[in-house]
Amino acid sequence: MFVTGPGVGRNQVRKHPTNHIDITATIVELAGAVDHVAIPLDGLSFVSALDANAPSFTEWRTYSFTEFYVKNNTWWSMRHLNETDGEAEVTFHWWCNGQAEVFHKPSDPY
């Protein structure tokens, strides 16, 4: 994801994992509308991660969640980051047919 705007530094890379539901919470915070939201938002605003004094990704969140659905092909995926370098360490996939896969990224040859 690429983000630009006031207070967002140029040419910076963050390892903070985000989820699609975080985008709504972020836009609401950037718009100054947090006090006008009728129901609690599920996402976590990543405005603080865009700041020059961003919290470390371990203070932020060390996982991301993805859900995919097209007709009868559904899967969920959970990715956990290594707390030392921020790289994906373990990924768990659950498929709609009940099968599951776990990948240990550092040792997976594929």
C-alpha atoms as a PDB file:
ATOM      1  CA  MET A   1       0.000   0.000   0.000  1.00  0.00           C
ATOM      2  CA  PHE A   2       1.250   3.478  -0.808  1.00  0.00           C
ATOM      3  CA  VAL A   3       0.228   6.410   1.363  1.00  0.00           C
ATOM      4  CA  THR A   4       0.976  10.088   0.834  1.00  0.00           C
ATOM      5  CA  GLY A   5      -0.192  13.240   2.545  1.00  0.00           C
ATOM      6  CA  PRO A   6       0.659  15.855   5.159  1.00  0.00           C
ATOM      7  CA  GLY A   7       2.922  14.448   7.858  1.00  0.00           C
ATOM      8  CA  VAL A   8       3.730  11.282   5.902  1.00  0.00           C
ATOM      9  CA  GLY A   9       7.464  10.983   5.185  1.00  0.00           C
ATOM     10  CA  ARG A  10       8.758  10.256   1.700  1.00  0.00           C
ATOM     11  CA  ASN A  11      10.454   7.010   0.688  1.00  0.00           C
ATOM     12  CA  GLN A  12       9.762   5.213   3.951  1.00  0.00           C
ATOM     13  CA  VAL A  13       8.795   1.586   4.404  1.00  0.00           C
ATOM     14  CA  ARG A  14       6.835   0.361   7.397  1.00  0.00           C
ATOM     15  CA  LYS A  15       6.542  -3.279   8.411  1.00  0.00           C
ATOM     16  CA  HIS A  16       3.323  -2.654  10.343  1.00  0.00           C
ATOM     17  CA  PRO A  17       0.819  -5.253   9.125  1.00  0.00           C
ATOM     18  CA  THR A  18      -2.581  -3.857   8.256  1.00  0.00           C
ATOM     19  CA  ASN A  19      -5.894  -5.388   7.295  1.00  0.00           C
ATOM     20  CA  HIS A  20      -8.489  -4.036   4.880  1.00  0.00           C
ATOM     21  CA  ILE A  21     -10.797  -3.153   7.777  1.00  0.00           C
ATOM     22  CA  ASP A  22      -8.071  -0.818   9.070  1.00  0.00           C
ATOM     23  CA  ILE A  23      -8.516   1.470   6.052  1.00  0.00           C
ATOM     24  CA  THR A  24     -11.952   2.670   7.218  1.00  0.00           C
ATOM     25  CA  ALA A  25     -10.713   3.403  10.730  1.00  0.00           C
ATOM     26  CA  THR A  26      -7.726   5.274   9.283  1.00  0.00           C
ATOM     27  CA  ILE A  27      -9.828   7.426   6.947  1.00  0.00           C
ATOM     28  CA  VAL A  28     -12.247   8.231   9.776  1.00  0.00           C
ATOM     29  CA  GLU A  29      -9.353   9.354  11.989  1.00  0.00           C
ATOM     30  CA  LEU A  30      -7.705  11.398   9.216  1.00  0.00           C
ATOM     31  CA  ALA A  31     -11.065  13.086   8.548  1.00  0.00           C
ATOM     32  CA  GLY A  32     -11.409  13.990  12.230  1.00  0.00           C
ATOM     33  CA  ALA A  33     -14.657  12.067  12.434  1.00  0.00           C
ATOM     34  CA  VAL A  34     -13.872   9.567  15.220  1.00  0.00           C
ATOM     35  CA  ASP A  35     -16.407  11.224  17.550  1.00  0.00           C
ATOM     36  CA  HIS A  36     -19.117  10.969  14.870  1.00  0.00           C
ATOM     37  CA  VAL A  37     -18.972   7.217  14.258  1.00  0.00           C
ATOM     38  CA  ALA A  38     -22.270   5.649  15.327  1.00  0.00           C
ATOM     39  CA  ILE A  39     -20.865   2.172  16.022  1.00  0.00           C
ATOM     40  CA  PRO A  40     -17.394   0.956  17.006  1.00  0.00           C
ATOM     41  CA  LEU A  41     -15.186   0.202  14.014  1.00  0.00           C
ATOM     42  CA  ASP A  42     -13.560  -3.223  13.779  1.00  0.00           C
ATOM     43  CA  GLY A  43     -10.369  -1.887  12.218  1.00  0.00           C
ATOM     44  CA  LEU A  44      -7.365  -0.276  13.845  1.00  0.00           C
ATOM     45  CA  SER A  45      -6.397   3.125  12.474  1.00  0.00           C
ATOM     46  CA  PHE A  46      -2.823   3.091  11.217  1.00  0.00           C
ATOM     47  CA  VAL A  47      -2.395   6.873  11.388  1.00  0.00           C
ATOM     48  CA  SER A  48       0.179   6.448  14.168  1.00  0.00           C
ATOM     49  CA  ALA A  49       2.203   4.079  11.950  1.00  0.00           C
ATOM     50  CA  LEU A  50       2.498   6.809   9.301  1.00  0.00           C
ATOM     51  CA  ASP A  51       4.055   9.289  11.705  1.00  0.00           C
ATOM     52  CA  ALA A  52       7.809   9.867  11.957  1.00  0.00           C
ATOM     53  CA  ASN A  53       7.547   8.661  15.577  1.00  0.00           C
ATOM     54  CA  ALA A  54       5.634   5.524  14.642  1.00  0.00           C
ATOM     55  CA  PRO A  55       5.456   2.781  17.264  1.00  0.00           C
ATOM     56  CA  SER A  56       7.492  -0.309  16.475  1.00  0.00           C
ATOM     57  CA  PHE A  57       5.510  -2.927  14.613  1.00  0.00           C
ATOM     58  CA  THR A  58       5.663  -5.172  17.709  1.00  0.00           C
ATOM     59  CA  GLU A  59       3.859  -2.443  19.676  1.00  0.00           C
ATOM     60  CA  TRP A  60       1.401  -2.148  16.800  1.00  0.00           C
ATOM     61  CA  ARG A  61       0.391  -5.684  15.828  1.00  0.00           C
ATOM     62  CA  THR A  62       2.391  -8.759  14.803  1.00  0.00           C
ATOM     63  CA  TYR A  63      -0.221 -10.434  12.609  1.00  0.00           C
ATOM     64  CA  SER A  64      -2.527  -9.823   9.675  1.00  0.00           C
ATOM     65  CA  PHE A  65      -5.752 -11.546   8.695  1.00  0.00           C
ATOM     66  CA  THR A  66      -7.137 -12.021   5.181  1.00  0.00           C
ATOM     67  CA  GLU A  67     -10.395 -13.538   4.006  1.00  0.00           C
ATOM     68  CA  PHE A  68     -11.141 -14.396   0.378  1.00  0.00           C
ATOM     69  CA  TYR A  69     -14.490 -15.381  -1.074  1.00  0.00           C
ATOM     70  CA  VAL A  70     -15.458 -16.007  -4.700  1.00  0.00           C
ATOM     71  CA  LYS A  71     -18.432 -18.302  -5.307  1.00  0.00           C
ATOM     72  CA  ASN A  72     -17.544 -21.556  -3.510  1.00  0.00           C
ATOM     73  CA  ASN A  73     -13.829 -20.839  -3.159  1.00  0.00           C
ATOM     74  CA  THR A  74     -13.196 -19.428   0.291  1.00  0.00           C
ATOM     75  CA  TRP A  75     -10.109 -19.213   2.415  1.00  0.00           C
ATOM     76  CA  TRP A  76      -8.847 -17.455   5.512  1.00  0.00           C
ATOM     77  CA  SER A  77      -5.240 -16.630   6.099  1.00  0.00           C
ATOM     78  CA  MET A  78      -3.400 -15.508   9.217  1.00  0.00           C
ATOM     79  CA  ARG A  79       0.166 -14.263   8.894  1.00  0.00           C
ATOM     80  CA  HIS A  80       2.454 -13.821  11.900  1.00  0.00           C
ATOM     81  CA  LEU A  81       5.574 -11.677  11.763  1.00  0.00           C
ATOM     82  CA  ASN A  82       8.944 -12.433  13.280  1.00  0.00           C
ATOM     83  CA  GLU A  83       9.285  -9.906  16.093  1.00  0.00           C
ATOM     84  CA  THR A  84      12.988  -9.378  15.372  1.00  0.00           C
ATOM     85  CA  ASP A  85      12.989  -8.407  11.697  1.00  0.00           C
ATOM     86  CA  GLY A  86       9.303  -7.956  10.838  1.00  0.00           C
ATOM     87  CA  GLU A  87       9.343 -10.568   8.094  1.00  0.00           C
ATOM     88  CA  ALA A  88       6.516 -13.076   7.705  1.00  0.00           C
ATOM     89  CA  GLU A  89       7.371 -16.100   9.823  1.00  0.00           C
ATOM     90  CA  VAL A  90       4.307 -18.330   9.915  1.00  0.00           C
ATOM     91  CA  THR A  91       1.281 -18.300   7.627  1.00  0.00           C
ATOM     92  CA  PHE A  92      -1.829 -20.370   8.293  1.00  0.00           C
ATOM     93  CA  HIS A  93      -4.393 -20.956   5.518  1.00  0.00           C
ATOM     94  CA  TRP A  94      -7.822 -22.508   6.064  1.00  0.00           C
ATOM     95  CA  TRP A  95      -9.796 -23.526   2.978  1.00  0.00           C
ATOM     96  CA  CYS A  96     -13.589 -23.876   2.679  1.00  0.00           C
ATOM     97  CA  ASN A  97     -13.244 -27.643   2.171  1.00  0.00           C
ATOM     98  CA  GLY A  98     -11.765 -27.987   5.674  1.00  0.00           C
ATOM     99  CA  GLN A  99      -8.166 -28.367   4.553  1.00  0.00           C
ATOM    100  CA  ALA A 100      -5.541 -26.268   6.254  1.00  0.00           C
ATOM    101  CA  GLU A 101      -1.944 -25.415   5.486  1.00  0.00           C
ATOM    102  CA  VAL A 102       0.771 -23.972   7.684  1.00  0.00           C
ATOM    103  CA  PHE A 103       3.894 -22.452   6.204  1.00  0.00           C
ATOM    104  CA  HIS A 104       7.018 -21.672   8.200  1.00  0.00           C
ATOM    105  CA  LYS A 105       8.413 -19.085   5.822  1.00  0.00           C
ATOM    106  CA  PRO A 106      12.086 -19.180   6.913  1.00  0.00           C
ATOM    107  CA  SER A 107      12.359 -22.925   6.290  1.00  0.00           C
ATOM    108  CA  ASP A 108       9.855 -23.360   3.429  1.00  0.00           C
ATOM    109  CA  PRO A 109      11.828 -24.052   0.231  1.00  0.00           C
ATOM    110  CA  TYR A 110       8.947 -22.844  -1.963  1.00  0.00           C
END
